[in-house]
Amino acid sequence: MGRFKVLACLAVMLPLIGVMEGQSSSDRHVWLPFKVYRGYVLVVEGSIGGVPHRKLLIDTAAYPSVIDQDLARKLHLSSTSDELRVVGQNLKSEAAVVPLVQVGPVEARNLSVQVQDLHGIEKKLGTHVDALIGLDVLGQSSFRIDYEQQQLVFGAVGVLQASAPLKQIDRMTYVDTELNGQVAHLLVGSAASNITVFGNVASKMRVAETKQLESTNLGGKVSLRQVHIDRLAVGGVDLGPREIQVTDSENLRTLPVDGLLSTGALGFGQVAFDFDHQVFSWEMAGKARNHTTALRGPRATNTGLPPIEGSDPMSTVASGCPSLQGSAGNCRSAAPRPQQPR
């Protein structure tokens, strides 16, 4: 049995993020278009093991990345038995090493991944999925997700409308989030449908359940509770009242984080991960951007984004890089980041 791992998928499974060390963002920017499914899931193109035009679902709360078992067979990858922990149960899994993964300008060599059957995710999204790509790949470069332009932008990200420190615990990266006055360590997930917290955190908030929810993950059906909170704040910025989800799964209580913060559920127009300065920043979408009074509390100085080469974002798309397309995230507990030889 390999290292114990935790798989996160579509906000139901709560993922752990690998720590990104020694990041250095280039002054040059590369734009990579994505498609959006179910209103929040991002899918791009890239390459896996030299096979181009693979579909990758991007989940910033995923570690390690996951590839579909059909693609693993096609690549003739050797694997070993492993175990994954999802909400509600532990699953049998396989671990493998992919010689090369490329997403836009980012390359990850000899990448340790999990191998799973992703057909359930494909059915839920209505599109083919070859892999779930997380920060073990994307964390090699600072990057920005522009939801309104539907672009990933790799390179120095500057500071958006508001920001919060990216923090680390046991090889996991999170942001401090205030829920009704209770501070929670939440992973930042781009493939999550809603904010999800563990039951012990919800009990400290003293909130009342509004309704029962049911979702699915790789282990099957999952029961959740929806609760109302009067105040959600990130980095001291008040984002107002919210409906959030609670999982009472016992097998997640030993994790040193408290849940998952969904970028897709908060109305963000852009989010940025600055690994050079360990900062997470965001900007509200559409009309909310022009009503900054909605952001009550301290805000980061709006220095603006660094200039982008070329006036047309599509002019700098990394068309020469094979692309990946994936969906949903996963995570590995207390595991060192794989070394990527250059």
C-alpha atoms as a PDB file:
ATOM      1  CA  MET A   1       0.000   0.000   0.000  1.00  0.00           C
ATOM      2  CA  GLY A   2       1.415   3.392  -1.008  1.00  0.00           C
ATOM      3  CA  ARG A   3       1.119   6.661   0.876  1.00  0.00           C
ATOM      4  CA  PHE A   4      -2.384   7.332   2.158  1.00  0.00           C
ATOM      5  CA  LYS A   5      -4.196   9.689  -0.206  1.00  0.00           C
ATOM      6  CA  VAL A   6      -7.386  11.684  -0.246  1.00  0.00           C
ATOM      7  CA  LEU A   7      -9.434  12.244  -3.377  1.00  0.00           C
ATOM      8  CA  ALA A   8     -11.595  15.323  -3.888  1.00  0.00           C
ATOM      9  CA  CYS A   9     -14.138  15.632  -6.657  1.00  0.00           C
ATOM     10  CA  LEU A  10     -16.696  18.289  -7.598  1.00  0.00           C
ATOM     11  CA  ALA A  11     -16.984  19.855  -4.128  1.00  0.00           C
ATOM     12  CA  VAL A  12     -18.223  16.654  -2.556  1.00  0.00           C
ATOM     13  CA  MET A  13     -14.782  15.159  -1.898  1.00  0.00           C
ATOM     14  CA  LEU A  14     -12.566  17.569  -0.031  1.00  0.00           C
ATOM     15  CA  PRO A  15      -9.062  17.874  -1.521  1.00  0.00           C
ATOM     16  CA  LEU A  16      -5.643  18.654  -0.100  1.00  0.00           C
ATOM     17  CA  ILE A  17      -3.203  20.872  -1.929  1.00  0.00           C
ATOM     18  CA  GLY A  18       0.497  20.216  -2.264  1.00  0.00           C
ATOM     19  CA  VAL A  19       2.818  23.012  -1.143  1.00  0.00           C
ATOM     20  CA  MET A  20       4.446  24.803  -4.044  1.00  0.00           C
ATOM     21  CA  GLU A  21       8.021  25.737  -3.260  1.00  0.00           C
ATOM     22  CA  GLY A  22      10.503  27.930  -5.065  1.00  0.00           C
ATOM     23  CA  GLN A  23       8.018  29.353  -7.574  1.00  0.00           C
ATOM     24  CA  SER A  24       9.183  31.983 -10.027  1.00  0.00           C
ATOM     25  CA  SER A  25       6.744  33.723 -12.359  1.00  0.00           C
ATOM     26  CA  SER A  26       7.905  34.932 -15.718  1.00  0.00           C
ATOM     27  CA  ASP A  27       7.149  38.473 -16.890  1.00  0.00           C
ATOM     28  CA  ARG A  28       5.749  36.910 -20.049  1.00  0.00           C
ATOM     29  CA  HIS A  29       2.109  35.876 -19.983  1.00  0.00           C
ATOM     30  CA  VAL A  30       0.486  32.953 -21.735  1.00  0.00           C
ATOM     31  CA  TRP A  31      -3.266  32.727 -22.230  1.00  0.00           C
ATOM     32  CA  LEU A  32      -5.048  29.372 -22.379  1.00  0.00           C
ATOM     33  CA  PRO A  33      -8.805  29.236 -23.128  1.00  0.00           C
ATOM     34  CA  PHE A  34     -11.155  27.023 -21.154  1.00  0.00           C
ATOM     35  CA  LYS A  35     -14.754  25.834 -21.424  1.00  0.00           C
ATOM     36  CA  VAL A  36     -17.156  26.015 -18.492  1.00  0.00           C
ATOM     37  CA  TYR A  37     -19.475  23.155 -17.553  1.00  0.00           C
ATOM     38  CA  ARG A  38     -22.342  23.274 -15.045  1.00  0.00           C
ATOM     39  CA  GLY A  39     -21.529  26.952 -14.504  1.00  0.00           C
ATOM     40  CA  TYR A  40     -18.282  26.467 -12.559  1.00  0.00           C
ATOM     41  CA  VAL A  41     -16.152  23.533 -13.808  1.00  0.00           C
ATOM     42  CA  LEU A  42     -13.241  24.551 -16.057  1.00  0.00           C
ATOM     43  CA  VAL A  43     -11.965  22.255 -18.821  1.00  0.00           C
ATOM     44  CA  VAL A  44      -8.862  22.997 -20.910  1.00  0.00           C
ATOM     45  CA  GLU A  45      -6.771  21.114 -23.455  1.00  0.00           C
ATOM     46  CA  GLY A  46      -3.291  19.784 -22.827  1.00  0.00           C
ATOM     47  CA  SER A  47      -1.207  16.642 -23.263  1.00  0.00           C
ATOM     48  CA  ILE A  48      -0.550  13.618 -21.093  1.00  0.00           C
ATOM     49  CA  GLY A  49       2.302  11.212 -21.767  1.00  0.00           C
ATOM     50  CA  GLY A  50       2.833  12.749 -25.204  1.00  0.00           C
ATOM     51  CA  VAL A  51      -0.835  12.289 -26.212  1.00  0.00           C
ATOM     52  CA  PRO A  52      -2.158  15.741 -27.266  1.00  0.00           C
ATOM     53  CA  HIS A  53      -5.646  17.244 -27.092  1.00  0.00           C
ATOM     54  CA  ARG A  54      -6.550  15.601 -23.813  1.00  0.00           C
ATOM     55  CA  LYS A  55      -9.426  17.060 -21.817  1.00  0.00           C
ATOM     56  CA  LEU A  56      -8.482  18.262 -18.348  1.00  0.00           C
ATOM     57  CA  LEU A  57     -10.707  19.477 -15.598  1.00  0.00           C
ATOM     58  CA  ILE A  58      -8.906  22.182 -13.585  1.00  0.00           C
ATOM     59  CA  ASP A  59      -9.263  22.001  -9.799  1.00  0.00           C
ATOM     60  CA  THR A  60      -7.024  24.274  -7.768  1.00  0.00           C
ATOM     61  CA  ALA A  61      -7.800  22.204  -4.663  1.00  0.00           C
ATOM     62  CA  ALA A  62      -6.548  18.970  -6.205  1.00  0.00           C
ATOM     63  CA  TYR A  63      -3.459  17.030  -5.160  1.00  0.00           C
ATOM     64  CA  PRO A  64      -2.287  14.737  -6.619  1.00  0.00           C
ATOM     65  CA  SER A  65      -3.720  14.869 -10.122  1.00  0.00           C
ATOM     66  CA  VAL A  66      -5.832  11.968 -11.411  1.00  0.00           C
ATOM     67  CA  ILE A  67      -5.931  10.362 -14.858  1.00  0.00           C
ATOM     68  CA  ASP A  68      -8.639   8.150 -16.265  1.00  0.00           C
ATOM     69  CA  GLN A  69      -7.988   4.408 -16.226  1.00  0.00           C
ATOM     70  CA  ASP A  70      -8.604   4.110 -19.975  1.00  0.00           C
ATOM     71  CA  LEU A  71      -5.865   6.649 -20.703  1.00  0.00           C
ATOM     72  CA  ALA A  72      -3.539   4.908 -18.241  1.00  0.00           C
ATOM     73  CA  ARG A  73      -3.984   1.662 -20.198  1.00  0.00           C
ATOM     74  CA  LYS A  74      -3.374   3.487 -23.475  1.00  0.00           C
ATOM     75  CA  LEU A  75      -0.123   4.870 -22.080  1.00  0.00           C
ATOM     76  CA  HIS A  76       0.841   1.414 -20.721  1.00  0.00           C
ATOM     77  CA  LEU A  77       1.502   2.869 -17.270  1.00  0.00           C
ATOM     78  CA  SER A  78       2.553   0.489 -14.543  1.00  0.00           C
ATOM     79  CA  SER A  79       0.709   1.010 -11.258  1.00  0.00           C
ATOM     80  CA  THR A  80       0.669  -0.063  -7.631  1.00  0.00           C
ATOM     81  CA  SER A  81      -2.196  -0.546  -5.187  1.00  0.00           C
ATOM     82  CA  ASP A  82      -3.161   2.505  -3.156  1.00  0.00           C
ATOM     83  CA  GLU A  83      -6.026   3.942  -1.142  1.00  0.00           C
ATOM     84  CA  LEU A  84      -8.149   7.047  -1.528  1.00  0.00           C
ATOM     85  CA  ARG A  85     -10.335   8.717   1.070  1.00  0.00           C
ATOM     86  CA  VAL A  86     -13.531  10.362  -0.156  1.00  0.00           C
ATOM     87  CA  VAL A  87     -16.467  11.728   1.780  1.00  0.00           C
ATOM     88  CA  GLY A  88     -18.054   8.776   3.508  1.00  0.00           C
ATOM     89  CA  GLN A  89     -15.560   6.014   2.812  1.00  0.00           C
ATOM     90  CA  ASN A  90     -12.092   4.896   1.754  1.00  0.00           C
ATOM     91  CA  LEU A  91     -11.677   3.510  -1.762  1.00  0.00           C
ATOM     92  CA  LYS A  92      -9.225   1.157  -3.398  1.00  0.00           C
ATOM     93  CA  SER A  93      -7.080   2.986  -5.940  1.00  0.00           C
ATOM     94  CA  GLU A  94      -3.929   2.749  -8.042  1.00  0.00           C
ATOM     95  CA  ALA A  95      -0.876   5.008  -8.148  1.00  0.00           C
ATOM     96  CA  ALA A  96       1.223   5.581 -11.278  1.00  0.00           C
ATOM     97  CA  VAL A  97       3.841   7.930 -12.704  1.00  0.00           C
ATOM     98  CA  VAL A  98       3.212   9.870 -15.934  1.00  0.00           C
ATOM     99  CA  PRO A  99       6.424  10.824 -17.786  1.00  0.00           C
ATOM    100  CA  LEU A 100       5.126  14.211 -18.967  1.00  0.00           C
ATOM    101  CA  VAL A 101       2.058  16.396 -18.427  1.00  0.00           C
ATOM    102  CA  GLN A 102       1.662  19.744 -20.215  1.00  0.00           C
ATOM    103  CA  VAL A 103      -0.905  22.479 -19.552  1.00  0.00           C
ATOM    104  CA  GLY A 104      -0.282  25.711 -21.442  1.00  0.00           C
ATOM    105  CA  PRO A 105       3.348  26.696 -20.713  1.00  0.00           C
ATOM    106  CA  VAL A 106       3.601  24.402 -17.661  1.00  0.00           C
ATOM    107  CA  GLU A 107       5.349  21.031 -17.846  1.00  0.00           C
ATOM    108  CA  ALA A 108       5.394  18.403 -15.104  1.00  0.00           C
ATOM    109  CA  ARG A 109       7.743  15.458 -15.612  1.00  0.00           C
ATOM    110  CA  ASN A 110       7.563  12.109 -13.852  1.00  0.00           C
ATOM    111  CA  LEU A 111       4.333  13.180 -12.187  1.00  0.00           C
ATOM    112  CA  SER A 112       2.856  10.930  -9.506  1.00  0.00           C
ATOM    113  CA  VAL A 113      -0.879  10.529 -10.153  1.00  0.00           C
ATOM    114  CA  GLN A 114      -3.861   8.479  -9.099  1.00  0.00           C
ATOM    115  CA  VAL A 115      -5.653   6.266 -11.626  1.00  0.00           C
ATOM    116  CA  GLN A 116      -9.448   6.167 -11.409  1.00  0.00           C
ATOM    117  CA  ASP A 117     -12.529   5.510 -13.513  1.00  0.00           C
ATOM    118  CA  LEU A 118     -13.706   9.008 -14.460  1.00  0.00           C
ATOM    119  CA  HIS A 119     -16.794   8.000 -16.427  1.00  0.00           C
ATOM    120  CA  GLY A 120     -19.051   9.103 -13.576  1.00  0.00           C
ATOM    121  CA  ILE A 121     -17.607  12.601 -13.747  1.00  0.00           C
ATOM    122  CA  GLU A 122     -18.011  12.621 -17.522  1.00  0.00           C
ATOM    123  CA  LYS A 123     -21.681  11.724 -17.143  1.00  0.00           C
ATOM    124  CA  LYS A 124     -22.220  14.477 -14.596  1.00  0.00           C
ATOM    125  CA  LEU A 125     -20.506  17.114 -16.756  1.00  0.00           C
ATOM    126  CA  GLY A 126     -21.710  15.939 -20.159  1.00  0.00           C
ATOM    127  CA  THR A 127     -18.215  15.948 -21.653  1.00  0.00           C
ATOM    128  CA  HIS A 128     -15.260  13.598 -21.948  1.00  0.00           C
ATOM    129  CA  VAL A 129     -12.632  13.851 -19.185  1.00  0.00           C
ATOM    130  CA  ASP A 130      -9.088  12.464 -19.435  1.00  0.00           C
ATOM    131  CA  ALA A 131      -7.665  13.816 -16.202  1.00  0.00           C
ATOM    132  CA  LEU A 132      -8.175  16.005 -13.142  1.00  0.00           C
ATOM    133  CA  ILE A 133      -5.331  18.511 -12.888  1.00  0.00           C
ATOM    134  CA  GLY A 134      -4.383  20.249  -9.653  1.00  0.00           C
ATOM    135  CA  LEU A 135      -1.676  22.404  -8.168  1.00  0.00           C
ATOM    136  CA  ASP A 136       0.934  19.652  -8.366  1.00  0.00           C
ATOM    137  CA  VAL A 137       1.004  20.715 -12.045  1.00  0.00           C
ATOM    138  CA  LEU A 138      -0.385  24.269 -12.094  1.00  0.00           C
ATOM    139  CA  GLY A 139       1.536  25.374  -8.999  1.00  0.00           C
ATOM    140  CA  GLN A 140       4.781  25.583 -10.972  1.00  0.00           C
ATOM    141  CA  SER A 141       3.673  29.025 -12.196  1.00  0.00           C
ATOM    142  CA  SER A 142       1.589  31.820 -10.733  1.00  0.00           C
ATOM    143  CA  PHE A 143      -1.637  32.071 -12.674  1.00  0.00           C
ATOM    144  CA  ARG A 144      -4.978  33.833 -12.910  1.00  0.00           C
ATOM    145  CA  ILE A 145      -8.416  32.437 -13.749  1.00  0.00           C
ATOM    146  CA  ASP A 146     -10.463  34.952 -15.752  1.00  0.00           C
ATOM    147  CA  TYR A 147     -14.011  33.614 -15.606  1.00  0.00           C
ATOM    148  CA  GLU A 148     -15.492  36.378 -17.741  1.00  0.00           C
ATOM    149  CA  GLN A 149     -12.980  35.995 -20.587  1.00  0.00           C
ATOM    150  CA  GLN A 150     -12.760  32.218 -20.010  1.00  0.00           C
ATOM    151  CA  GLN A 151      -8.967  32.227 -19.975  1.00  0.00           C
ATOM    152  CA  LEU A 152      -6.207  30.873 -17.753  1.00  0.00           C
ATOM    153  CA  VAL A 153      -3.368  33.416 -17.656  1.00  0.00           C
ATOM    154  CA  PHE A 154       0.051  32.086 -16.658  1.00  0.00           C
ATOM    155  CA  GLY A 155       2.752  34.473 -15.390  1.00  0.00           C
ATOM    156  CA  ALA A 156       3.015  37.277 -12.820  1.00  0.00           C
ATOM    157  CA  VAL A 157      -0.514  38.032 -11.614  1.00  0.00           C
ATOM    158  CA  GLY A 158      -0.300  41.353  -9.764  1.00  0.00           C
ATOM    159  CA  VAL A 159      -3.033  42.116  -7.200  1.00  0.00           C
ATOM    160  CA  LEU A 160      -6.752  42.094  -7.872  1.00  0.00           C
ATOM    161  CA  GLN A 161      -9.567  43.867  -6.011  1.00  0.00           C
ATOM    162  CA  ALA A 162      -9.038  42.032  -2.731  1.00  0.00           C
ATOM    163  CA  SER A 163      -6.557  39.516  -1.365  1.00  0.00           C
ATOM    164  CA  ALA A 164      -5.749  37.098   1.441  1.00  0.00           C
ATOM    165  CA  PRO A 165      -2.562  35.219   2.420  1.00  0.00           C
ATOM    166  CA  LEU A 166      -2.111  31.683   1.161  1.00  0.00           C
ATOM    167  CA  LYS A 167      -1.189  29.640   4.229  1.00  0.00           C
ATOM    168  CA  GLN A 168       0.175  26.131   4.698  1.00  0.00           C
ATOM    169  CA  ILE A 169      -0.292  23.295   7.151  1.00  0.00           C
ATOM    170  CA  ASP A 170       0.954  19.729   6.756  1.00  0.00           C
ATOM    171  CA  ARG A 171       1.688  20.296   3.064  1.00  0.00           C
ATOM    172  CA  MET A 172      -1.760  21.807   2.447  1.00  0.00           C
ATOM    173  CA  THR A 173      -2.448  25.346   1.248  1.00  0.00           C
ATOM    174  CA  TYR A 174      -5.525  27.239   2.466  1.00  0.00           C
ATOM    175  CA  VAL A 175      -7.015  30.654   3.205  1.00  0.00           C
ATOM    176  CA  ASP A 176      -8.487  31.754   6.525  1.00  0.00           C
ATOM    177  CA  THR A 177     -12.227  32.151   6.105  1.00  0.00           C
ATOM    178  CA  GLU A 178     -14.610  33.618   8.686  1.00  0.00           C
ATOM    179  CA  LEU A 179     -18.023  31.938   8.919  1.00  0.00           C
ATOM    180  CA  ASN A 180     -20.352  33.680  11.399  1.00  0.00           C
ATOM    181  CA  GLY A 181     -17.299  34.732  13.402  1.00  0.00           C
ATOM    182  CA  GLN A 182     -15.735  31.252  13.370  1.00  0.00           C
ATOM    183  CA  VAL A 183     -12.366  31.096  11.557  1.00  0.00           C
ATOM    184  CA  ALA A 184     -11.976  28.042   9.310  1.00  0.00           C
ATOM    185  CA  HIS A 185      -9.027  26.845   7.207  1.00  0.00           C
ATOM    186  CA  LEU A 186     -10.563  26.318   3.758  1.00  0.00           C
ATOM    187  CA  LEU A 187      -8.881  24.963   0.650  1.00  0.00           C
ATOM    188  CA  VAL A 188      -9.532  27.040  -2.487  1.00  0.00           C
ATOM    189  CA  GLY A 189     -11.265  24.903  -5.128  1.00  0.00           C
ATOM    190  CA  SER A 190     -12.174  25.883  -8.677  1.00  0.00           C
ATOM    191  CA  ALA A 191     -14.143  22.654  -9.326  1.00  0.00           C
ATOM    192  CA  ALA A 192     -16.475  22.987  -6.356  1.00  0.00           C
ATOM    193  CA  SER A 193     -20.172  23.786  -6.674  1.00  0.00           C
ATOM    194  CA  ASN A 194     -20.422  25.354  -3.222  1.00  0.00           C
ATOM    195  CA  ILE A 195     -18.598  26.104   0.012  1.00  0.00           C
ATOM    196  CA  THR A 196     -18.390  22.906   2.064  1.00  0.00           C
ATOM    197  CA  VAL A 197     -17.307  22.587   5.697  1.00  0.00           C
ATOM    198  CA  PHE A 198     -16.943  19.710   8.143  1.00  0.00           C
ATOM    199  CA  GLY A 199     -19.633  19.081  10.739  1.00  0.00           C
ATOM    200  CA  ASN A 200     -17.468  20.054  13.717  1.00  0.00           C
ATOM    201  CA  VAL A 201     -16.951  23.528  12.225  1.00  0.00           C
ATOM    202  CA  ALA A 202     -20.678  23.973  11.607  1.00  0.00           C
ATOM    203  CA  SER A 203     -21.457  23.061  15.216  1.00  0.00           C
ATOM    204  CA  LYS A 204     -19.240  25.905  16.434  1.00  0.00           C
ATOM    205  CA  MET A 205     -21.080  28.346  14.166  1.00  0.00           C
ATOM    206  CA  ARG A 206     -24.436  27.407  15.770  1.00  0.00           C
ATOM    207  CA  VAL A 207     -26.362  27.510  12.521  1.00  0.00           C
ATOM    208  CA  ALA A 208     -29.681  25.899  11.736  1.00  0.00           C
ATOM    209  CA  GLU A 209     -30.090  23.415   8.917  1.00  0.00           C
ATOM    210  CA  THR A 210     -32.214  24.715   6.040  1.00  0.00           C
ATOM    211  CA  LYS A 211     -32.535  21.474   4.038  1.00  0.00           C
ATOM    212  CA  GLN A 212     -30.986  18.101   3.245  1.00  0.00           C
ATOM    213  CA  LEU A 213     -28.957  17.672   0.065  1.00  0.00           C
ATOM    214  CA  GLU A 214     -27.732  14.644  -1.829  1.00  0.00           C
ATOM    215  CA  SER A 215     -24.789  14.470  -4.188  1.00  0.00           C
ATOM    216  CA  THR A 216     -22.425  11.851  -5.583  1.00  0.00           C
ATOM    217  CA  ASN A 217     -18.700  11.166  -5.599  1.00  0.00           C
ATOM    218  CA  LEU A 218     -16.520   8.271  -6.718  1.00  0.00           C
ATOM    219  CA  GLY A 219     -17.807   6.266  -3.775  1.00  0.00           C
ATOM    220  CA  GLY A 220     -21.490   6.792  -4.611  1.00  0.00           C
ATOM    221  CA  LYS A 221     -24.208   8.942  -3.041  1.00  0.00           C
ATOM    222  CA  VAL A 222     -23.307  11.456  -0.333  1.00  0.00           C
ATOM    223  CA  SER A 223     -25.641  13.194   2.123  1.00  0.00           C
ATOM    224  CA  LEU A 224     -25.038  16.868   2.909  1.00  0.00           C
ATOM    225  CA  ARG A 225     -26.780  19.529   4.969  1.00  0.00           C
ATOM    226  CA  GLN A 226     -27.393  23.048   3.728  1.00  0.00           C
ATOM    227  CA  VAL A 227     -27.130  25.826   6.318  1.00  0.00           C
ATOM    228  CA  HIS A 228     -27.399  29.602   6.225  1.00  0.00           C
ATOM    229  CA  ILE A 229     -24.613  31.854   7.518  1.00  0.00           C
ATOM    230  CA  ASP A 230     -25.042  35.588   8.059  1.00  0.00           C
ATOM    231  CA  ARG A 231     -21.442  36.519   7.296  1.00  0.00           C
ATOM    232  CA  LEU A 232     -18.709  35.068   5.124  1.00  0.00           C
ATOM    233  CA  ALA A 233     -15.376  36.906   5.121  1.00  0.00           C
ATOM    234  CA  VAL A 234     -12.064  36.096   3.442  1.00  0.00           C
ATOM    235  CA  GLY A 235      -8.930  38.056   4.308  1.00  0.00           C
ATOM    236  CA  GLY A 236     -11.047  40.448   6.369  1.00  0.00           C
ATOM    237  CA  VAL A 237     -13.293  41.188   3.369  1.00  0.00           C
ATOM    238  CA  ASP A 238     -17.005  40.718   4.100  1.00  0.00           C
ATOM    239  CA  LEU A 239     -18.681  38.801   1.263  1.00  0.00           C
ATOM    240  CA  GLY A 240     -22.100  38.844   2.893  1.00  0.00           C
ATOM    241  CA  PRO A 241     -24.558  36.074   3.847  1.00  0.00           C
ATOM    242  CA  ARG A 242     -24.382  32.663   2.138  1.00  0.00           C
ATOM    243  CA  GLU A 243     -25.960  29.230   1.926  1.00  0.00           C
ATOM    244  CA  ILE A 244     -23.204  26.657   2.471  1.00  0.00           C
ATOM    245  CA  GLN A 245     -22.955  22.869   2.670  1.00  0.00           C
ATOM    246  CA  VAL A 246     -21.960  20.710   5.639  1.00  0.00           C
ATOM    247  CA  THR A 247     -20.646  17.138   5.558  1.00  0.00           C
ATOM    248  CA  ASP A 248     -20.752  14.999   8.686  1.00  0.00           C
ATOM    249  CA  SER A 249     -18.492  12.307   7.254  1.00  0.00           C
ATOM    250  CA  GLU A 250     -16.475  10.749  10.070  1.00  0.00           C
ATOM    251  CA  ASN A 251     -13.518   9.731   7.897  1.00  0.00           C
ATOM    252  CA  LEU A 252     -12.574  13.379   7.225  1.00  0.00           C
ATOM    253  CA  ARG A 253     -12.386  14.563  10.825  1.00  0.00           C
ATOM    254  CA  THR A 254      -8.647  13.880  11.136  1.00  0.00           C
ATOM    255  CA  LEU A 255      -7.736  16.276   8.325  1.00  0.00           C
ATOM    256  CA  PRO A 256      -5.986  19.501   9.468  1.00  0.00           C
ATOM    257  CA  VAL A 257      -8.275  21.663   7.300  1.00  0.00           C
ATOM    258  CA  ASP A 258     -11.934  22.549   7.783  1.00  0.00           C
ATOM    259  CA  GLY A 259     -13.417  22.291   4.303  1.00  0.00           C
ATOM    260  CA  LEU A 260     -13.444  23.791   0.845  1.00  0.00           C
ATOM    261  CA  LEU A 261     -13.901  27.358  -0.458  1.00  0.00           C
ATOM    262  CA  SER A 262     -15.498  27.364  -3.910  1.00  0.00           C
ATOM    263  CA  THR A 263     -14.385  30.129  -6.288  1.00  0.00           C
ATOM    264  CA  GLY A 264     -17.339  29.339  -8.558  1.00  0.00           C
ATOM    265  CA  ALA A 265     -19.925  29.908  -5.810  1.00  0.00           C
ATOM    266  CA  LEU A 266     -18.766  33.359  -4.731  1.00  0.00           C
ATOM    267  CA  GLY A 267     -19.437  35.403  -7.855  1.00  0.00           C
ATOM    268  CA  PHE A 268     -15.777  36.046  -8.668  1.00  0.00           C
ATOM    269  CA  GLY A 269     -14.902  37.418 -12.096  1.00  0.00           C
ATOM    270  CA  GLN A 270     -11.210  36.643 -11.630  1.00  0.00           C
ATOM    271  CA  VAL A 271      -9.074  34.839  -9.079  1.00  0.00           C
ATOM    272  CA  ALA A 272      -5.281  34.741  -8.917  1.00  0.00           C
ATOM    273  CA  PHE A 273      -2.758  32.436  -7.252  1.00  0.00           C
ATOM    274  CA  ASP A 274       0.525  34.257  -6.641  1.00  0.00           C
ATOM    275  CA  PHE A 275       3.039  31.625  -5.536  1.00  0.00           C
ATOM    276  CA  ASP A 276       5.928  34.124  -5.574  1.00  0.00           C
ATOM    277  CA  HIS A 277       4.310  36.076  -2.724  1.00  0.00           C
ATOM    278  CA  GLN A 278       1.924  33.420  -1.328  1.00  0.00           C
ATOM    279  CA  VAL A 279      -1.182  35.528  -1.982  1.00  0.00           C
ATOM    280  CA  PHE A 280      -4.661  34.599  -3.182  1.00  0.00           C
ATOM    281  CA  SER A 281      -6.564  37.523  -4.717  1.00  0.00           C
ATOM    282  CA  TRP A 282      -9.896  38.029  -6.444  1.00  0.00           C
ATOM    283  CA  GLU A 283     -12.195  40.461  -8.210  1.00  0.00           C
ATOM    284  CA  MET A 284     -15.975  40.322  -8.268  1.00  0.00           C
ATOM    285  CA  ALA A 285     -17.744  39.713 -11.565  1.00  0.00           C
ATOM    286  CA  GLY A 286     -19.848  42.095 -13.638  1.00  0.00           C
ATOM    287  CA  LYS A 287     -21.866  44.702 -11.768  1.00  0.00           C
ATOM    288  CA  ALA A 288     -20.478  43.615  -8.417  1.00  0.00           C
ATOM    289  CA  ARG A 289     -17.102  44.943  -9.522  1.00  0.00           C
ATOM    290  CA  ASN A 290     -18.554  48.451  -9.715  1.00  0.00           C
ATOM    291  CA  HIS A 291     -20.170  48.227  -6.290  1.00  0.00           C
ATOM    292  CA  THR A 292     -17.127  47.895  -4.077  1.00  0.00           C
ATOM    293  CA  THR A 293     -19.181  48.720  -0.990  1.00  0.00           C
ATOM    294  CA  ALA A 294     -20.162  45.040  -1.168  1.00  0.00           C
ATOM    295  CA  LEU A 295     -16.587  44.388  -0.099  1.00  0.00           C
ATOM    296  CA  ARG A 296     -16.730  45.582   3.463  1.00  0.00           C
ATOM    297  CA  GLY A 297     -13.480  45.553   5.365  1.00  0.00           C
ATOM    298  CA  PRO A 298      -9.786  45.935   4.477  1.00  0.00           C
ATOM    299  CA  ARG A 299      -8.917  45.497   0.822  1.00  0.00           C
ATOM    300  CA  ALA A 300      -5.597  45.021  -0.899  1.00  0.00           C
ATOM    301  CA  THR A 301      -4.200  48.016  -2.744  1.00  0.00           C
ATOM    302  CA  ASN A 302      -5.462  47.741  -6.288  1.00  0.00           C
ATOM    303  CA  THR A 303      -2.199  47.939  -8.190  1.00  0.00           C
ATOM    304  CA  GLY A 304      -3.777  46.384 -11.273  1.00  0.00           C
ATOM    305  CA  LEU A 305      -2.495  43.471 -13.266  1.00  0.00           C
ATOM    306  CA  PRO A 306       0.887  43.478 -14.975  1.00  0.00           C
ATOM    307  CA  PRO A 307       0.698  44.412 -18.672  1.00  0.00           C
ATOM    308  CA  ILE A 308      -0.040  41.485 -20.947  1.00  0.00           C
ATOM    309  CA  GLU A 309       1.961  41.017 -24.145  1.00  0.00           C
ATOM    310  CA  GLY A 310      -0.313  41.779 -27.084  1.00  0.00           C
ATOM    311  CA  SER A 311      -3.759  43.335 -27.083  1.00  0.00           C
ATOM    312  CA  ASP A 312      -5.566  40.133 -28.038  1.00  0.00           C
ATOM    313  CA  PRO A 313      -5.499  37.450 -25.343  1.00  0.00           C
ATOM    314  CA  MET A 314      -5.795  34.766 -27.996  1.00  0.00           C
ATOM    315  CA  SER A 315      -2.602  35.976 -29.666  1.00  0.00           C
ATOM    316  CA  THR A 316      -0.489  34.515 -26.873  1.00  0.00           C
ATOM    317  CA  VAL A 317      -2.298  31.210 -26.357  1.00  0.00           C
ATOM    318  CA  ALA A 318       0.253  28.414 -25.993  1.00  0.00           C
ATOM    319  CA  SER A 319      -0.916  26.684 -29.138  1.00  0.00           C
ATOM    320  CA  GLY A 320       2.370  24.862 -29.429  1.00  0.00           C
ATOM    321  CA  CYS A 321       1.833  23.055 -26.113  1.00  0.00           C
ATOM    322  CA  PRO A 322      -0.276  19.916 -26.172  1.00  0.00           C
ATOM    323  CA  SER A 323      -3.230  20.402 -23.905  1.00  0.00           C
ATOM    324  CA  LEU A 324      -4.992  18.524 -21.172  1.00  0.00           C
ATOM    325  CA  GLN A 325      -8.608  18.518 -20.293  1.00  0.00           C
ATOM    326  CA  GLY A 326      -9.704  17.391 -16.902  1.00  0.00           C
ATOM    327  CA  SER A 327     -12.377  17.729 -14.321  1.00  0.00           C
ATOM    328  CA  ALA A 328     -12.540  17.738 -10.551  1.00  0.00           C
ATOM    329  CA  GLY A 329      -9.799  17.514  -8.029  1.00  0.00           C
ATOM    330  CA  ASN A 330      -8.143  15.127  -5.667  1.00  0.00           C
ATOM    331  CA  CYS A 331      -5.653  15.306  -2.888  1.00  0.00           C
ATOM    332  CA  ARG A 332      -2.851  13.525  -1.137  1.00  0.00           C
ATOM    333  CA  SER A 333      -2.348  13.811   2.606  1.00  0.00           C
ATOM    334  CA  ALA A 334       1.016  14.955   3.965  1.00  0.00           C
ATOM    335  CA  ALA A 335       2.863  13.893   0.841  1.00  0.00           C
ATOM    336  CA  PRO A 336       5.905  15.772  -0.474  1.00  0.00           C
ATOM    337  CA  ARG A 337       5.556  17.484  -3.827  1.00  0.00           C
ATOM    338  CA  PRO A 338       7.018  15.338  -6.625  1.00  0.00           C
ATOM    339  CA  GLN A 339      10.338  16.667  -7.851  1.00  0.00           C
ATOM    340  CA  GLN A 340      10.057  17.782 -11.457  1.00  0.00           C
ATOM    341  CA  PRO A 341      13.438  17.458 -13.212  1.00  0.00           C
ATOM    342  CA  ARG A 342      14.036  20.097 -15.828  1.00  0.00           C
END
